[in-house]
């Protein structure tokens, strides 16, 4: 089988106590086997609908230029040039190349939010990412700056798997089981501002995929250390929590339980909650959750000397078989440092894998799946949306501003500040 860049190697082929009065389920459909089915959040087209009942309050007014317009690139360049230093464009690593071309800086979500805060003279921050990322940027930037998301329906399936009402219900269950006082919440950066605020109110911290181990060590220290009896409620990605706790801190798989917000009591007994050390939210990344053991085994059969590198949002059994595990930034760094001729299969979002193959043509870089595995919500940010956003600013109209409620922003900032106080030089996703 060919090992040319981007070759693909595949395997064989209502929660009862929801506090919302309207009872609308807000989680996206899970892609994991045997996961409960949920009503998906509506993905709206600009000018063609609104869904203000969603936690993100999605409303998409406006008219996009046609995606077939041959002048889109020229229009984007002209608008960005006209705006000058008044606009600062952030591009997440998973964005399309057509969008990255116009980004002033690229990176992971928290790095980009920090970059926005470091540009206080730019009144408009255009965040080419997803909703929770733009929220973090709004929290970290000044009141004089406005963060703009080119498509308000660009959410994150993982972040949408944990709503504030569901997490409040979970905390009630921990109180009922008598374990809340010995539980510290740790929330992944890939969570809504409301979940970050919950974490701050309950004395917890935020983490990224790079510093998850440090965050968990800190959390356990608050309740007697890793060898003690304290617990962590890890939101919203069960895989990052499990991989970090078991593979890096030495806890066992039996120390971990999964809390399902769509089952009474999370599907757990009080005894299970009392015995657990890691209470993992039943959430996952719709991209990284697709990679399988069979895909890793197929790659090893087909490519002599291949190195498998995956994101820690992948399943535990996939991470166990990988040669390297790392955040998006760490994956880029590892591949960049590898000698010419190295063969990789990479388990992360396809836009980034394609970009790596272009950046490092002297290496053989393939995608760890046969199926296309873009982040569908991230890919809602495209060149027509970016052109519409920039041209609207040129005309004096600020579209799709992201503004976090001040009370929510305060407590979310408390949790983010706790993360920044953790030891270690980096806080990358």
Protein backbone atom coordinates (compact mmCIF):
# COMPACT_ATOMS: atom_id res chain seq x y z
CA UNK A 1 0.00 0.00 0.00
CA UNK A 2 1.22 3.51 -0.80
CA UNK A 3 2.70 5.58 2.00
CA UNK A 4 2.41 8.88 0.16
CA UNK A 5 1.29 11.93 2.16
CA UNK A 6 -2.32 11.70 3.26
CA UNK A 7 -2.69 8.04 2.50
CA UNK A 8 -5.39 6.71 4.81
CA UNK A 9 -5.27 3.45 6.78
CA UNK A 10 -8.50 2.11 8.16
CA UNK A 11 -9.90 -0.63 10.31
CA UNK A 12 -12.40 -3.10 8.99
CA UNK A 13 -14.95 -1.33 8.00
CA UNK A 14 -33.47 13.21 28.75
CA UNK A 15 -31.85 13.24 31.53
CA UNK A 16 -34.89 13.39 33.92
CA UNK A 17 -33.85 16.37 36.06
CA UNK A 18 -33.06 19.03 33.48
CA UNK A 19 -33.44 22.43 35.11
CA UNK A 20 -34.52 24.18 31.90
CA UNK A 21 -38.22 24.97 31.92
CA UNK A 22 -38.62 24.13 28.24
CA UNK A 23 -36.85 20.78 28.62
CA UNK A 24 -35.00 21.11 25.32
CA UNK A 25 -32.06 18.66 25.08
CA UNK A 26 -28.97 20.53 24.02
CA UNK A 27 -26.39 17.81 23.43
CA UNK A 28 -25.34 16.85 19.95
CA UNK A 29 -25.78 13.29 18.80
CA UNK A 30 -22.96 11.14 20.14
CA UNK A 31 -20.80 9.30 17.62
CA UNK A 32 -19.64 6.65 20.09
CA UNK A 33 -20.96 3.13 19.98
CA UNK A 34 -23.92 2.61 22.33
CA UNK A 35 -23.98 6.30 23.26
CA UNK A 36 -27.43 7.75 23.91
CA UNK A 37 -29.12 9.54 21.03
CA UNK A 38 -29.84 13.22 21.54
CA UNK A 39 -31.64 15.90 19.59
CA UNK A 40 -28.88 17.78 17.78
CA UNK A 41 -28.37 21.50 18.03
CA UNK A 42 -29.64 23.15 14.89
CA UNK A 43 -26.90 24.20 12.48
CA UNK A 44 -28.34 27.34 10.96
CA UNK A 45 -27.57 28.99 7.65
CA UNK A 46 -27.03 32.73 7.70
CA UNK A 47 -30.27 34.56 7.07
CA UNK A 48 -32.34 31.39 7.36
CA UNK A 49 -33.28 30.80 10.97
CA UNK A 50 -32.71 31.22 14.67
CA UNK A 51 -32.70 29.03 17.75
CA UNK A 52 -32.50 31.25 20.79
CA UNK A 53 -33.49 28.35 23.07
CA UNK A 54 -30.05 26.80 22.65
CA UNK A 55 -27.42 27.42 25.25
CA UNK A 56 -25.49 29.40 22.66
CA UNK A 57 -28.51 31.49 21.72
CA UNK A 58 -27.84 30.90 18.04
CA UNK A 59 -29.08 33.53 15.60
CA UNK A 60 -27.62 33.86 12.12
CA UNK A 61 -28.73 37.01 10.30
CA UNK A 62 -27.04 38.15 7.10
CA UNK A 63 -26.32 37.25 3.51
CA UNK A 64 -23.19 35.37 2.53
CA UNK A 65 -21.36 35.86 -0.74
CA UNK A 66 -21.63 32.86 -2.99
CA UNK A 67 -18.92 30.24 -2.30
CA UNK A 68 -18.32 30.05 -6.04
CA UNK A 69 -17.48 33.75 -6.29
CA UNK A 70 -14.04 33.82 -7.97
CA UNK A 71 -13.27 37.14 -6.31
CA UNK A 72 -13.56 35.90 -2.71
CA UNK A 73 -9.81 35.90 -2.07
CA UNK A 74 -9.40 39.39 -3.51
CA UNK A 75 -12.38 40.62 -1.49
CA UNK A 76 -10.94 39.19 1.72
CA UNK A 77 -7.57 40.81 1.06
CA UNK A 78 -9.13 44.17 0.25
CA UNK A 79 -11.32 44.17 3.35
CA UNK A 80 -8.49 43.13 5.65
CA UNK A 81 -6.22 45.78 4.17
CA UNK A 82 -8.91 48.44 4.61
CA UNK A 83 -9.34 47.51 8.27
CA UNK A 84 -5.61 47.49 8.97
CA UNK A 85 -4.64 47.20 12.62
CA UNK A 86 -8.25 47.56 13.74
CA UNK A 87 -8.87 43.89 13.10
CA UNK A 88 -6.91 40.88 14.39
CA UNK A 89 -7.78 37.53 12.83
CA UNK A 90 -7.22 34.32 14.77
CA UNK A 91 -7.10 30.96 12.98
CA UNK A 92 -7.36 27.64 14.79
CA UNK A 93 -5.16 24.80 13.51
CA UNK A 94 -8.23 22.87 12.35
CA UNK A 95 -9.43 25.62 10.03
CA UNK A 96 -9.45 25.32 6.25
CA UNK A 97 -6.36 26.59 4.41
CA UNK A 98 -8.48 29.25 2.69
CA UNK A 99 -9.17 30.74 6.14
CA UNK A 100 -5.70 30.22 7.62
CA UNK A 101 -4.32 32.30 4.74
CA UNK A 102 -5.87 35.39 6.30
CA UNK A 103 -5.07 34.64 9.95
CA UNK A 104 -2.66 36.97 11.74
CA UNK A 105 -1.80 34.11 14.10
CA UNK A 106 -2.59 30.40 14.17
CA UNK A 107 -2.67 28.07 17.12
CA UNK A 108 -4.81 26.20 19.63
CA UNK A 109 -7.76 27.78 21.34
CA UNK A 110 -6.17 29.10 24.55
CA UNK A 111 -3.06 30.34 22.77
CA UNK A 112 -5.29 32.28 20.40
CA UNK A 113 -7.33 33.78 23.24
CA UNK A 114 -4.10 34.90 24.89
CA UNK A 115 -2.90 36.38 21.60
CA UNK A 116 -6.12 38.38 21.37
CA UNK A 117 -5.63 39.73 24.89
CA UNK A 118 -2.10 40.73 23.93
CA UNK A 119 -3.48 43.01 21.18
CA UNK A 120 -5.43 45.59 23.23
CA UNK A 121 -5.23 48.16 20.43
CA UNK A 122 -7.25 45.96 18.06
CA UNK A 123 -10.94 46.76 18.65
CA UNK A 124 -12.15 43.78 16.58
CA UNK A 125 -11.01 40.20 17.12
CA UNK A 126 -12.25 37.83 14.42
CA UNK A 127 -11.99 34.31 15.85
CA UNK A 128 -11.94 31.63 13.16
CA UNK A 129 -12.67 28.75 15.48
CA UNK A 130 -15.73 27.63 17.42
CA UNK A 131 -18.00 29.19 20.01
CA UNK A 132 -16.27 28.18 23.26
CA UNK A 133 -12.98 29.54 21.90
CA UNK A 134 -14.52 32.91 21.12
CA UNK A 135 -16.03 32.96 24.62
CA UNK A 136 -12.57 32.45 26.16
CA UNK A 137 -11.22 35.29 24.05
CA UNK A 138 -14.06 37.55 25.19
CA UNK A 139 -13.31 36.69 28.82
CA UNK A 140 -9.61 37.48 28.45
CA UNK A 141 -9.85 40.63 26.30
CA UNK A 142 -10.79 44.13 27.42
CA UNK A 143 -14.24 45.70 27.38
CA UNK A 144 -13.08 47.90 24.53
CA UNK A 145 -12.57 44.88 22.29
CA UNK A 146 -15.25 42.88 20.52
CA UNK A 147 -14.75 39.21 19.66
CA UNK A 148 -16.55 38.11 16.50
CA UNK A 149 -17.37 34.57 15.38
CA UNK A 150 -17.99 34.47 11.60
CA UNK A 151 -20.68 31.79 12.01
CA UNK A 152 -22.57 31.58 15.30
CA UNK A 153 -23.54 27.99 14.53
CA UNK A 154 -19.87 26.97 14.67
CA UNK A 155 -20.01 25.11 17.94
CA UNK A 156 -18.16 22.15 19.41
CA UNK A 157 -19.88 18.79 19.77
CA UNK A 158 -17.83 18.01 22.88
CA UNK A 159 -18.57 21.34 24.58
CA UNK A 160 -22.27 20.95 23.76
CA UNK A 161 -22.34 17.58 25.55
CA UNK A 162 -22.29 19.37 28.92
CA UNK A 163 -24.82 22.10 29.64
CA UNK A 164 -24.85 24.14 32.82
CA UNK A 165 -28.19 22.64 33.93
CA UNK A 166 -26.87 19.11 33.49
CA UNK A 167 -23.69 19.86 35.43
CA UNK A 168 -25.70 21.45 38.24
CA UNK A 169 -27.75 18.24 38.40
CA UNK A 170 -24.55 16.22 38.54
CA UNK A 171 -23.31 18.27 41.49
CA UNK A 172 -26.63 17.63 43.24
CA UNK A 173 -26.03 13.90 42.74
CA UNK A 174 -22.55 14.22 44.24
CA UNK A 175 -24.08 16.04 47.21
CA UNK A 176 -26.68 13.30 47.62
CA UNK A 177 -23.91 10.71 47.61
CA UNK A 178 -22.00 12.67 50.26
CA UNK A 179 -18.90 13.18 48.08
CA UNK A 180 -19.22 16.76 46.81
CA UNK A 181 -17.02 18.21 49.56
CA UNK A 182 -14.14 15.95 48.55
CA UNK A 183 -14.57 16.52 44.82
CA UNK A 184 -12.71 19.13 42.78
CA UNK A 185 -13.98 19.93 39.29
CA UNK A 186 -11.44 20.10 36.46
CA UNK A 187 -12.83 21.28 33.15
CA UNK A 188 -11.14 20.97 29.81
CA UNK A 189 -10.64 24.17 27.83
CA UNK A 190 -13.09 22.72 25.29
CA UNK A 191 -16.10 23.70 27.38
CA UNK A 192 -18.58 26.55 27.44
CA UNK A 193 -18.09 29.66 29.54
CA UNK A 194 -20.95 28.43 31.74
CA UNK A 195 -19.08 25.20 32.54
CA UNK A 196 -15.89 27.14 33.21
CA UNK A 197 -17.89 29.35 35.58
CA UNK A 198 -19.27 26.29 37.38
CA UNK A 199 -15.68 25.13 37.81
CA UNK A 200 -14.59 28.47 39.23
CA UNK A 201 -17.51 28.63 41.67
CA UNK A 202 -16.64 25.18 43.02
CA UNK A 203 -12.93 25.81 43.52
CA UNK A 204 -11.67 23.96 40.47
CA UNK A 205 -9.42 24.69 37.54
CA UNK A 206 -9.37 24.59 33.77
CA UNK A 207 -6.86 22.46 31.88
CA UNK A 208 -5.62 21.99 28.36
CA UNK A 209 -4.49 18.73 26.83
CA UNK A 210 -0.89 19.77 27.53
CA UNK A 211 -1.27 20.48 31.24
CA UNK A 212 -4.04 18.04 32.16
CA UNK A 213 -1.63 16.02 34.34
CA UNK A 214 -0.55 19.11 36.26
CA UNK A 215 -4.18 20.17 36.71
CA UNK A 216 -5.20 16.74 38.03
CA UNK A 217 -2.24 16.61 40.40
CA UNK A 218 -3.21 20.03 41.75
CA UNK A 219 -6.85 18.96 42.14
CA UNK A 220 -5.97 15.80 44.05
CA UNK A 221 -3.59 17.78 46.28
CA UNK A 222 -6.57 19.82 47.45
CA UNK A 223 -8.09 16.67 48.94
CA UNK A 224 -5.11 14.67 50.20
CA UNK A 225 -3.11 13.82 47.10
CA UNK A 226 -3.32 11.17 44.40
CA UNK A 227 -2.98 8.42 47.03
CA UNK A 228 -5.77 9.88 49.16
CA UNK A 229 -9.53 9.62 48.94
CA UNK A 230 -10.35 12.83 47.08
CA UNK A 231 -12.09 12.88 43.74
CA UNK A 232 -12.06 14.82 40.49
CA UNK A 233 -15.10 15.59 38.39
CA UNK A 234 -13.61 15.85 34.90
CA UNK A 235 -15.61 17.77 32.27
CA UNK A 236 -16.53 17.28 29.46
CA UNK A 237 -14.13 14.83 27.71
CA UNK A 238 -14.02 11.40 29.28
CA UNK A 239 -11.07 10.24 27.16
CA UNK A 240 -8.64 13.00 28.12
CA UNK A 241 -9.59 12.51 31.77
CA UNK A 242 -9.16 8.74 31.66
CA UNK A 243 -5.92 8.83 29.66
CA UNK A 244 -4.36 11.35 32.00
CA UNK A 245 -5.47 9.71 35.23
CA UNK A 246 -4.52 6.15 34.26
CA UNK A 247 -1.59 6.57 31.89
CA UNK A 248 0.10 9.49 33.67
CA UNK A 249 -0.99 9.47 37.30
CA UNK A 250 -1.08 5.70 37.84
CA UNK A 251 -4.73 5.36 38.75
CA UNK A 252 -6.55 2.28 37.50
CA UNK A 253 -9.41 1.98 35.06
CA UNK A 254 -11.48 0.77 38.01
CA UNK A 255 -10.88 4.13 39.70
CA UNK A 256 -12.80 5.80 36.87
CA UNK A 257 -16.57 5.95 36.40
CA UNK A 258 -18.51 7.65 33.63
CA UNK A 259 -21.36 9.99 34.55
CA UNK A 260 -24.08 9.99 31.87
CA UNK A 261 -26.20 13.15 32.19
CA UNK A 262 -29.08 11.49 30.37
CA UNK A 263 -29.59 8.79 32.99
CA UNK A 264 -30.99 9.19 36.52
CA UNK A 265 -28.10 9.74 38.91
CA UNK A 266 -25.77 9.71 35.94
CA UNK A 267 -26.34 5.97 35.64
CA UNK A 268 -24.26 5.45 38.79
CA UNK A 269 -25.08 4.27 42.29
CA UNK A 270 -24.07 6.21 45.38
CA UNK A 271 -21.61 3.42 46.15
CA UNK A 272 -19.98 3.81 42.74
CA UNK A 273 -19.63 7.55 43.22
CA UNK A 274 -18.19 7.03 46.68
CA UNK A 275 -15.64 4.49 45.45
CA UNK A 276 -14.52 6.41 42.36
CA UNK A 277 -11.49 8.69 42.16
CA UNK A 278 -12.22 10.06 38.67
CA UNK A 279 -15.82 10.93 37.80
CA UNK A 280 -15.70 11.34 34.03
CA UNK A 281 -18.40 13.20 32.14
CA UNK A 282 -19.83 11.23 29.24
CA UNK A 283 -18.51 13.50 26.52
CA UNK A 284 -16.05 13.10 23.71
CA UNK A 285 -14.64 14.71 20.59
CA UNK A 286 -16.55 13.66 17.49
CA UNK A 287 -13.28 13.61 15.51
CA UNK A 288 -10.81 12.01 17.90
CA UNK A 289 -13.37 9.51 19.16
CA UNK A 290 -13.50 7.93 15.70
CA UNK A 291 -9.96 6.56 15.70
CA UNK A 292 -9.76 2.85 16.51
CA UNK A 293 -7.38 0.09 17.51
CA UNK A 294 -8.00 -1.54 14.13
CA UNK A 295 -6.79 1.61 12.36
CA UNK A 296 -3.54 1.59 14.35
CA UNK A 297 -2.99 -2.11 13.69
CA UNK A 298 -3.67 -1.64 9.96
CA UNK A 299 -1.13 1.19 9.76
CA UNK A 300 1.54 -0.94 11.44
CA UNK A 301 0.87 -3.80 9.01
CA UNK A 302 1.00 -1.61 5.94
CA UNK A 303 3.87 0.81 6.68
CA UNK A 304 7.25 -0.48 7.82
CA UNK A 305 8.67 1.51 10.72
CA UNK A 306 5.64 3.78 10.99
CA UNK A 307 5.21 6.02 14.02
CA UNK A 308 1.68 6.53 15.30
CA UNK A 309 0.94 9.86 16.96
CA UNK A 310 -2.50 10.67 18.38
CA UNK A 311 -4.25 13.34 20.40
CA UNK A 312 -5.10 12.49 24.05
CA UNK A 313 -8.80 12.99 23.24
CA UNK A 314 -8.58 9.59 21.52
CA UNK A 315 -9.87 6.47 23.25
CA UNK A 316 -7.71 4.87 25.95
CA UNK A 317 -7.04 1.71 23.94
CA UNK A 318 -5.89 3.77 20.94
CA UNK A 319 -3.52 5.83 23.08
CA UNK A 320 -2.13 2.63 24.59
CA UNK A 321 -1.01 1.49 21.13
CA UNK A 322 0.37 4.83 19.92
CA UNK A 323 4.06 5.70 19.83
CA UNK A 324 3.41 9.33 20.74
CA UNK A 325 0.53 11.20 22.34
CA UNK A 326 0.27 14.95 22.32
CA UNK A 327 -1.80 18.07 21.98
CA UNK A 328 -2.18 19.68 18.59
CA UNK A 329 0.84 21.91 19.20
CA UNK A 330 2.85 18.94 20.46
CA UNK A 331 1.96 16.90 17.37
CA UNK A 332 3.22 19.71 15.16
CA UNK A 333 6.42 20.00 17.20
CA UNK A 334 7.09 16.25 17.13
CA UNK A 335 6.62 15.97 13.40
CA UNK A 336 8.70 19.08 12.74
CA UNK A 337 11.60 17.66 14.75
CA UNK A 338 11.56 14.24 13.07
CA UNK A 339 14.26 13.41 10.48
CA UNK A 340 13.50 13.23 6.77
CA UNK A 341 12.05 9.91 5.73
CA UNK A 342 10.06 9.37 8.91
CA UNK A 343 6.68 7.74 8.32
CA UNK A 344 3.78 8.94 10.45
CA UNK A 345 0.11 8.21 10.79
CA UNK A 346 -1.57 11.01 12.66
CA UNK A 347 -4.74 10.74 14.72
CA UNK A 348 -6.16 14.25 14.74
CA UNK A 349 -8.31 16.56 12.58
CA UNK A 350 -7.81 16.15 8.83
CA UNK A 351 -7.19 19.81 7.95
CA UNK A 352 -4.15 19.81 10.21
CA UNK A 353 -2.87 16.46 8.90
CA UNK A 354 -3.12 17.74 5.32
CA UNK A 355 -1.26 20.91 6.32
CA UNK A 356 1.50 18.88 8.01
CA UNK A 357 2.03 16.88 4.83
CA UNK A 358 2.50 20.13 2.93
CA UNK A 359 4.79 21.63 5.56
CA UNK A 360 7.02 18.54 5.78
CA UNK A 361 7.10 16.91 2.33
CA UNK A 362 10.32 15.07 3.18
CA UNK A 363 8.31 12.90 5.58
CA UNK A 364 5.48 10.47 4.82
CA UNK A 365 2.42 11.73 6.70
CA UNK A 366 -0.87 9.85 6.56
CA UNK A 367 -4.24 10.14 8.27
CA UNK A 368 -5.25 7.48 10.80
CA UNK A 369 -8.61 6.61 9.19
CA UNK A 370 -10.02 5.83 5.79
CA UNK A 371 -13.09 8.00 6.37
CA UNK A 372 -12.95 11.77 6.02
CA UNK A 373 -12.72 13.16 9.53
CA UNK A 374 -12.99 16.93 9.44
CA UNK A 375 -14.36 18.81 12.41
CA UNK A 376 -17.74 19.63 10.84
CA UNK A 377 -18.54 22.58 13.09
CA UNK A 378 -15.06 24.08 12.81
CA UNK A 379 -15.42 23.84 9.04
CA UNK A 380 -18.50 26.05 9.12
CA UNK A 381 -16.02 28.92 9.17
CA UNK A 382 -15.18 29.25 5.49
CA UNK A 383 -14.08 32.00 3.14
CA UNK A 384 -17.62 33.31 2.43
CA UNK A 385 -18.25 33.71 6.18
CA UNK A 386 -14.89 35.43 6.68
CA UNK A 387 -15.47 37.80 3.74
CA UNK A 388 -18.95 38.64 5.03
CA UNK A 389 -17.54 39.38 8.49
CA UNK A 390 -14.68 41.58 7.26
CA UNK A 391 -16.74 43.47 4.70
CA UNK A 392 -19.40 44.13 7.33
CA UNK A 393 -16.74 45.69 9.57
CA UNK A 394 -15.55 47.86 6.68
CA UNK A 395 -19.15 49.07 6.34
CA UNK A 396 -19.29 49.84 10.07
CA UNK A 397 -21.42 46.84 11.08
CA UNK A 398 -20.23 44.44 13.79
CA UNK A 399 -21.76 41.05 13.11
CA UNK A 400 -21.95 38.02 15.40
CA UNK A 401 -20.34 39.55 18.51
CA UNK A 402 -19.60 37.11 21.32
CA UNK A 403 -20.37 38.54 24.74
CA UNK A 404 -20.23 36.45 27.90
CA UNK A 405 -22.50 37.44 30.79
CA UNK A 406 -20.37 39.38 33.33
CA UNK A 407 -21.19 37.05 36.24
CA UNK A 408 -20.35 33.99 34.14
CA UNK A 409 -17.22 35.67 32.86
CA UNK A 410 -16.08 36.46 36.41
CA UNK A 411 -16.25 32.88 37.65
CA UNK A 412 -14.87 31.49 34.41
CA UNK A 413 -11.92 33.87 34.80
CA UNK A 414 -11.40 32.57 38.34
CA UNK A 415 -11.02 29.05 36.97
CA UNK A 416 -8.77 30.20 34.12
CA UNK A 417 -6.58 32.18 36.52
CA UNK A 418 -6.22 29.05 38.66
CA UNK A 419 -4.94 27.23 35.58
CA UNK A 420 -2.46 30.01 34.87
CA UNK A 421 -1.21 29.69 38.45
CA UNK A 422 -0.35 26.01 37.96
CA UNK A 423 3.33 25.15 37.64
CA UNK A 424 4.70 24.55 34.16
CA UNK A 425 5.69 26.75 31.25
CA UNK A 426 2.86 26.01 28.79
CA UNK A 427 -0.90 25.90 28.73
CA UNK A 428 -1.52 24.67 25.19
CA UNK A 429 -4.52 22.69 23.99
